Amino acid sequence: MNSVILGTMSKVHPPHHIPVLLESTLNALQPQKGENYLDLTFGYGGHAAAVLSRTGNYADSVLVDRDDYAISNGQSFAERGAQLLHSDFVTAAEALIGQNKQFSLVLIDLGVSSPQLDQGERGFSFTNNGPLDMRMDRRQPVTAADIVNQQSIDELARLIHLYGDEPYTMAKRIANAITENRPFSETNQLASVIAATYRRRKGHIHPATRTFQALRIAVNDELGQVEKILPLLPKLLKPGGRVGIISFHSLEDRLVKQYFKEQMAAGYEAELIVQTKRPISGADYDVHNPRSRSAKLRVAAKK
């Protein structure tokens, strides 16, 4: 895990990013004056700014992100005393636990930020052309191009079906088209091949949406990160501390739901008290933000 010395980085103007389920998150976590805060997916600081404006405790708070571009935009938080860590959230959590640090408030927003999606050079977007990258942490070696150009038909079909929610028959057809047309180096090349393969009538989403989602999840080991962070949460929380987790994919939410269900069933041995029997849905509580429609917020508190 690396702390970033912000003074050595070039300044980047903060991009436009609307935090998902912001009011619902604040209402659920109820930040209080003086409480310390751990944001394990700091992003572009939307949630952090709102939480820290209520707690006022920058000096004892930690903001984590594995995207160097996000970290470079956190200078205003660092200048007020917050610690910024350039790391994936599991590595950061393990290090903080090793330092015996605990927090009143913990937030994990599992979504991809708007700037990541919109900037062609990051390789997440099929509408803005760029290199087929999709790495949240650009220090890691494996890119989306590596997966697309090297995986077998069967493995590609499995990824697209499992992580992209694409029906298996369609996933296999896309995987065949990919292997027949590779190598790929740019996002628009891949998107065009997928669109040509898609034989359905055009819908409201681009034909490449599910495949790009699947590749992003695979490149960044997003489900593996969720599985590993959940059992660490009680160790990160002070007694009475609250944690909020915002998920966007059914597989992510299933992992969180199952962990919370296990805590509810543990009785006296439970470490967390689940605050949301049902998730708070972005489709119901954040209707003005189109990127919130699939978001689900679950909240728990430490005994």
Protein backbone atom coordinates (compact mmCIF):
# COMPACT_ATOMS: atom_id res chain seq x y z
CA MET A 1 0.00 0.00 0.00
CA ASN A 2 1.37 3.39 -0.96
CA SER A 3 0.63 6.77 0.51
CA VAL A 4 0.63 9.40 -2.19
CA ILE A 5 2.67 12.55 -1.68
CA LEU A 6 0.38 14.91 -3.45
CA GLY A 7 2.90 17.68 -3.88
CA THR A 8 4.81 15.57 -6.40
CA MET A 9 1.82 15.04 -8.66
CA SER A 10 0.60 17.28 -11.42
CA LYS A 11 -2.59 19.11 -10.61
CA VAL A 12 -5.68 17.88 -12.36
CA HIS A 13 -8.92 19.85 -12.26
CA PRO A 14 -11.56 17.87 -10.38
CA PRO A 15 -13.96 16.29 -12.85
CA HIS A 16 -17.72 16.55 -12.67
CA HIS A 17 -19.03 13.62 -10.67
CA ILE A 18 -22.37 13.28 -8.87
CA PRO A 19 -22.13 10.93 -5.87
CA VAL A 20 -24.70 8.15 -5.88
CA LEU A 21 -27.36 7.97 -3.15
CA LEU A 22 -25.72 10.83 -1.28
CA GLU A 23 -28.67 11.93 0.86
CA SER A 24 -29.66 8.34 1.62
CA THR A 25 -26.08 7.57 2.66
CA LEU A 26 -25.94 10.57 4.99
CA ASN A 27 -29.33 9.72 6.49
CA ALA A 28 -28.31 6.11 7.06
CA LEU A 29 -24.81 6.71 8.44
CA GLN A 30 -25.73 9.82 10.48
CA PRO A 31 -22.23 11.39 10.64
CA GLN A 32 -21.68 13.21 13.95
CA LYS A 33 -19.27 15.98 14.89
CA GLY A 34 -15.81 14.63 15.70
CA GLU A 35 -16.30 11.12 14.30
CA ASN A 36 -13.56 9.71 12.10
CA TYR A 37 -14.25 8.40 8.62
CA LEU A 38 -12.81 5.76 6.33
CA ASP A 39 -13.75 6.01 2.65
CA LEU A 40 -12.44 2.87 0.98
CA THR A 41 -13.43 4.04 -2.51
CA PHE A 42 -12.74 7.77 -2.31
CA GLY A 43 -13.20 8.41 -6.06
CA TYR A 44 -13.68 12.12 -6.66
CA GLY A 45 -14.64 12.98 -3.10
CA GLY A 46 -18.38 13.55 -3.36
CA HIS A 47 -19.36 11.36 -0.43
CA ALA A 48 -16.24 12.29 1.53
CA ALA A 49 -16.89 16.03 1.20
CA ALA A 50 -20.43 15.64 2.52
CA VAL A 51 -19.46 13.35 5.40
CA LEU A 52 -16.43 15.39 6.48
CA SER A 53 -18.38 18.64 6.33
CA ARG A 54 -20.54 17.14 9.09
CA THR A 55 -17.85 15.48 11.20
CA GLY A 56 -15.19 18.16 10.78
CA ASN A 57 -12.61 15.48 11.62
CA TYR A 58 -10.21 15.43 8.70
CA ALA A 59 -7.09 14.62 10.74
CA ASP A 60 -8.32 11.19 11.86
CA SER A 61 -9.93 10.21 8.55
CA VAL A 62 -8.51 8.08 5.74
CA LEU A 63 -9.46 8.24 2.06
CA VAL A 64 -8.52 5.29 -0.18
CA ASP A 65 -8.57 4.77 -3.92
CA ARG A 66 -6.60 2.67 -6.40
CA ASP A 67 -7.07 5.22 -9.21
CA ASP A 68 -4.12 7.63 -9.35
CA TYR A 69 -6.27 10.21 -11.14
CA ALA A 70 -8.76 10.19 -8.25
CA ILE A 71 -5.96 10.50 -5.69
CA SER A 72 -4.45 13.43 -7.56
CA ASN A 73 -7.72 15.32 -7.09
CA GLY A 74 -7.73 14.86 -3.32
CA GLN A 75 -5.28 17.60 -2.42
CA SER A 76 -7.90 19.77 -0.75
CA PHE A 77 -8.69 16.93 1.66
CA ALA A 78 -5.01 16.24 2.32
CA GLU A 79 -4.38 19.92 3.01
CA ARG A 80 -7.02 19.75 5.75
CA GLY A 81 -5.33 16.76 7.36
CA ALA A 82 -6.95 13.68 5.82
CA GLN A 83 -4.67 10.77 4.92
CA LEU A 84 -4.84 9.64 1.29
CA LEU A 85 -3.85 6.09 0.37
CA HIS A 86 -3.24 4.95 -3.20
CA SER A 87 -4.32 1.33 -2.84
CA ASP A 88 -7.06 -1.19 -3.47
CA PHE A 89 -9.44 -1.27 -0.53
CA VAL A 90 -8.57 -4.76 0.72
CA THR A 91 -4.85 -3.99 0.96
CA ALA A 92 -5.63 -0.67 2.64
CA ALA A 93 -8.03 -2.28 5.12
CA GLU A 94 -5.50 -4.95 6.07
CA ALA A 95 -2.83 -2.31 6.65
CA LEU A 96 -5.13 -0.13 8.78
CA ILE A 97 -6.16 -3.14 10.86
CA GLY A 98 -2.47 -3.91 11.32
CA GLN A 99 -2.09 -0.38 12.72
CA ASN A 100 -5.04 -0.98 15.11
CA LYS A 101 -7.02 1.83 13.52
CA GLN A 102 -10.80 1.85 13.84
CA PHE A 103 -13.43 4.21 12.50
CA SER A 104 -16.84 5.58 13.39
CA LEU A 105 -17.90 5.61 9.74
CA VAL A 106 -16.88 3.40 6.81
CA LEU A 107 -18.15 3.71 3.25
CA ILE A 108 -17.57 1.50 0.21
CA ASP A 109 -19.01 2.67 -3.12
CA LEU A 110 -18.43 -0.19 -5.56
CA GLY A 111 -19.39 1.77 -8.68
CA VAL A 112 -17.16 3.07 -11.43
CA SER A 113 -16.95 6.86 -11.30
CA SER A 114 -18.32 9.01 -14.09
CA PRO A 115 -14.88 10.33 -15.15
CA GLN A 116 -13.55 6.78 -15.49
CA LEU A 117 -16.49 5.86 -17.70
CA ASP A 118 -16.39 9.03 -19.77
CA GLN A 119 -12.66 9.39 -20.43
CA GLY A 120 -11.72 7.46 -23.55
CA GLU A 121 -8.10 7.10 -22.50
CA ARG A 122 -9.11 4.95 -19.52
CA GLY A 123 -10.61 2.31 -21.80
CA PHE A 124 -13.89 1.79 -19.96
CA SER A 125 -16.06 3.49 -22.57
CA PHE A 126 -17.32 2.14 -25.86
CA THR A 127 -18.65 5.55 -26.92
CA ASN A 128 -15.36 7.46 -26.41
CA ASN A 129 -12.62 5.54 -28.17
CA GLY A 130 -9.40 4.71 -26.39
CA PRO A 131 -7.00 1.89 -25.56
CA LEU A 132 -8.66 -1.30 -24.34
CA ASP A 133 -7.47 -0.85 -20.77
CA MET A 134 -10.13 -0.75 -18.00
CA ARG A 135 -7.64 -0.83 -15.11
CA MET A 136 -8.75 1.14 -12.08
CA ASP A 137 -5.17 0.92 -10.84
CA ARG A 138 -2.87 1.60 -13.78
CA ARG A 139 0.06 0.03 -11.91
CA GLN A 140 -1.37 -3.45 -12.33
CA PRO A 141 -0.14 -5.43 -15.36
CA VAL A 142 -3.30 -7.05 -16.80
CA THR A 143 -5.55 -4.98 -19.07
CA ALA A 144 -8.80 -5.72 -20.86
CA ALA A 145 -6.81 -6.17 -24.07
CA ASP A 146 -4.84 -8.98 -22.43
CA ILE A 147 -8.04 -10.82 -21.52
CA VAL A 148 -9.73 -10.27 -24.88
CA ASN A 149 -6.68 -11.28 -26.90
CA GLN A 150 -5.50 -14.24 -24.81
CA GLN A 151 -8.47 -16.01 -23.22
CA SER A 152 -10.11 -19.04 -24.84
CA ILE A 153 -13.60 -18.93 -26.34
CA ASP A 154 -15.02 -20.87 -23.40
CA GLU A 155 -13.43 -18.60 -20.79
CA LEU A 156 -14.58 -15.45 -22.59
CA ALA A 157 -18.11 -16.82 -22.85
CA ARG A 158 -18.08 -17.67 -19.14
CA LEU A 159 -16.92 -14.18 -18.17
CA ILE A 160 -19.45 -12.43 -20.39
CA HIS A 161 -22.28 -14.63 -19.14
CA LEU A 162 -21.38 -14.54 -15.44
CA TYR A 163 -20.14 -10.98 -15.00
CA GLY A 164 -22.14 -9.32 -17.77
CA ASP A 165 -25.49 -11.04 -17.25
CA GLU A 166 -25.50 -11.88 -20.95
CA PRO A 167 -27.53 -15.01 -21.87
CA TYR A 168 -25.06 -17.84 -22.43
CA THR A 169 -25.96 -18.41 -26.09
CA MET A 170 -25.31 -14.76 -26.83
CA ALA A 171 -22.17 -14.74 -24.69
CA LYS A 172 -20.77 -17.68 -26.66
CA ARG A 173 -21.58 -15.93 -29.95
CA ILE A 174 -19.77 -12.80 -28.79
CA ALA A 175 -16.81 -14.86 -27.59
CA ASN A 176 -16.59 -16.54 -31.00
CA ALA A 177 -16.66 -13.17 -32.77
CA ILE A 178 -13.93 -11.84 -30.48
CA THR A 179 -11.58 -14.73 -31.15
CA GLU A 180 -12.22 -14.56 -34.90
CA ASN A 181 -11.41 -10.84 -35.06
CA ARG A 182 -8.60 -10.40 -32.55
CA PRO A 183 -6.20 -8.91 -31.73
CA PHE A 184 -7.95 -5.81 -30.39
CA SER A 185 -6.23 -2.70 -29.08
CA GLU A 186 -8.99 -0.06 -28.93
CA THR A 187 -12.44 0.07 -27.40
CA ASN A 188 -14.30 1.02 -30.56
CA GLN A 189 -12.89 -1.99 -32.41
CA LEU A 190 -14.29 -4.36 -29.81
CA ALA A 191 -17.60 -2.52 -29.52
CA SER A 192 -18.10 -2.63 -33.28
CA VAL A 193 -17.53 -6.40 -33.45
CA ILE A 194 -19.95 -6.99 -30.58
CA ALA A 195 -22.58 -4.73 -32.16
CA ALA A 196 -22.29 -6.58 -35.47
CA THR A 197 -22.71 -9.88 -33.66
CA TYR A 198 -25.79 -8.79 -31.73
CA ARG A 199 -28.80 -9.92 -33.72
CA ARG A 200 -31.48 -8.48 -31.54
CA ARG A 201 -33.40 -5.34 -32.31
CA LYS A 202 -31.71 -2.28 -30.89
CA GLY A 203 -32.65 -1.57 -27.31
CA HIS A 204 -31.99 1.27 -24.92
CA ILE A 205 -28.48 0.05 -24.09
CA HIS A 206 -25.54 -0.43 -26.42
CA PRO A 207 -24.96 -4.09 -27.39
CA ALA A 208 -21.43 -3.92 -25.92
CA THR A 209 -22.59 -2.77 -22.46
CA ARG A 210 -22.69 -6.20 -20.83
CA THR A 211 -19.42 -7.41 -22.33
CA PHE A 212 -17.59 -4.24 -21.28
CA GLN A 213 -19.00 -4.60 -17.76
CA ALA A 214 -17.80 -8.21 -17.62
CA LEU A 215 -14.31 -7.28 -18.75
CA ARG A 216 -14.09 -4.44 -16.24
CA ILE A 217 -15.10 -6.74 -13.38
CA ALA A 218 -12.56 -9.36 -14.47
CA VAL A 219 -9.69 -6.90 -14.99
CA ASN A 220 -10.13 -5.35 -11.55
CA ASP A 221 -11.10 -8.51 -9.62
CA GLU A 222 -14.09 -6.61 -8.32
CA LEU A 223 -15.95 -9.58 -6.86
CA GLY A 224 -12.79 -10.93 -5.23
CA GLN A 225 -12.27 -7.56 -3.56
CA VAL A 226 -15.82 -7.58 -2.17
CA GLU A 227 -15.48 -11.13 -0.83
CA LYS A 228 -12.27 -10.24 0.99
CA ILE A 229 -13.38 -6.91 2.47
CA LEU A 230 -16.61 -8.08 4.11
CA PRO A 231 -15.08 -10.13 6.99
CA LEU A 232 -12.66 -7.27 7.67
CA LEU A 233 -15.40 -4.73 8.36
CA PRO A 234 -15.96 -5.49 12.06
CA LYS A 235 -12.24 -5.00 12.71
CA LEU A 236 -12.34 -1.59 11.01
CA LEU A 237 -15.28 -0.30 13.05
CA LYS A 238 -15.40 1.17 16.51
CA PRO A 239 -18.23 -0.04 18.76
CA GLY A 240 -21.32 1.73 17.45
CA GLY A 241 -19.56 2.51 14.16
CA ARG A 242 -21.58 2.32 10.94
CA VAL A 243 -20.68 0.94 7.53
CA GLY A 244 -22.45 1.60 4.24
CA ILE A 245 -21.90 -0.42 1.07
CA ILE A 246 -23.24 0.75 -2.29
CA SER A 247 -23.33 -1.96 -4.95
CA PHE A 248 -24.35 -1.79 -8.60
CA HIS A 249 -24.12 -5.36 -9.85
CA SER A 250 -26.35 -8.22 -8.69
CA LEU A 251 -23.34 -10.42 -7.90
CA GLU A 252 -21.79 -7.73 -5.70
CA ASP A 253 -25.06 -7.11 -3.88
CA ARG A 254 -25.57 -10.86 -3.42
CA LEU A 255 -22.24 -11.11 -1.60
CA VAL A 256 -23.10 -8.19 0.69
CA LYS A 257 -26.63 -9.48 1.28
CA GLN A 258 -25.33 -12.94 2.19
CA TYR A 259 -22.74 -11.56 4.62
CA PHE A 260 -25.33 -9.38 6.32
CA LYS A 261 -27.73 -12.34 6.45
CA GLU A 262 -25.05 -14.41 8.20
CA GLN A 263 -24.58 -11.63 10.73
CA MET A 264 -28.32 -11.50 11.37
CA ALA A 265 -28.43 -15.27 11.90
CA ALA A 266 -25.45 -15.30 14.28
CA GLY A 267 -27.47 -14.05 17.23
CA TYR A 268 -25.31 -13.13 20.23
CA GLU A 269 -22.17 -13.96 18.27
CA ALA A 270 -22.95 -11.40 15.56
CA GLU A 271 -20.46 -8.57 15.28
CA LEU A 272 -22.70 -6.31 13.19
CA ILE A 273 -26.32 -5.22 13.55
CA VAL A 274 -27.91 -4.87 10.11
CA GLN A 275 -29.71 -1.55 9.74
CA THR A 276 -31.29 -2.15 6.32
CA LYS A 277 -33.43 -5.27 6.10
CA ARG A 278 -33.98 -4.26 2.48
CA PRO A 279 -31.46 -2.27 0.45
CA ILE A 280 -32.04 1.40 -0.25
CA SER A 281 -32.49 1.58 -4.02
CA GLY A 282 -31.14 4.31 -6.25
CA ALA A 283 -34.11 3.80 -8.57
CA ASP A 284 -36.38 4.94 -5.71
CA TYR A 285 -34.26 7.41 -3.76
CA ASP A 286 -31.92 9.01 -6.31
CA VAL A 287 -34.09 9.32 -9.40
CA HIS A 288 -32.38 12.47 -10.68
CA ASN A 289 -29.01 10.71 -11.10
CA PRO A 290 -29.22 8.27 -14.05
CA ARG A 291 -26.17 6.34 -12.85
CA SER A 292 -27.96 5.57 -9.58
CA ARG A 293 -30.73 3.47 -11.08
CA SER A 294 -29.02 0.13 -10.32
CA ALA A 295 -27.45 1.23 -7.02
CA LYS A 296 -28.29 -0.50 -3.74
CA LEU A 297 -27.17 0.71 -0.34
CA ARG A 298 -26.92 -1.65 2.64
CA VAL A 299 -25.94 -0.44 6.11
CA ALA A 300 -24.83 -2.14 9.33
CA ALA A 301 -23.50 -1.02 12.71
CA LYS A 302 -20.98 -2.66 15.03
CA LYS A 303 -22.28 -3.81 18.40
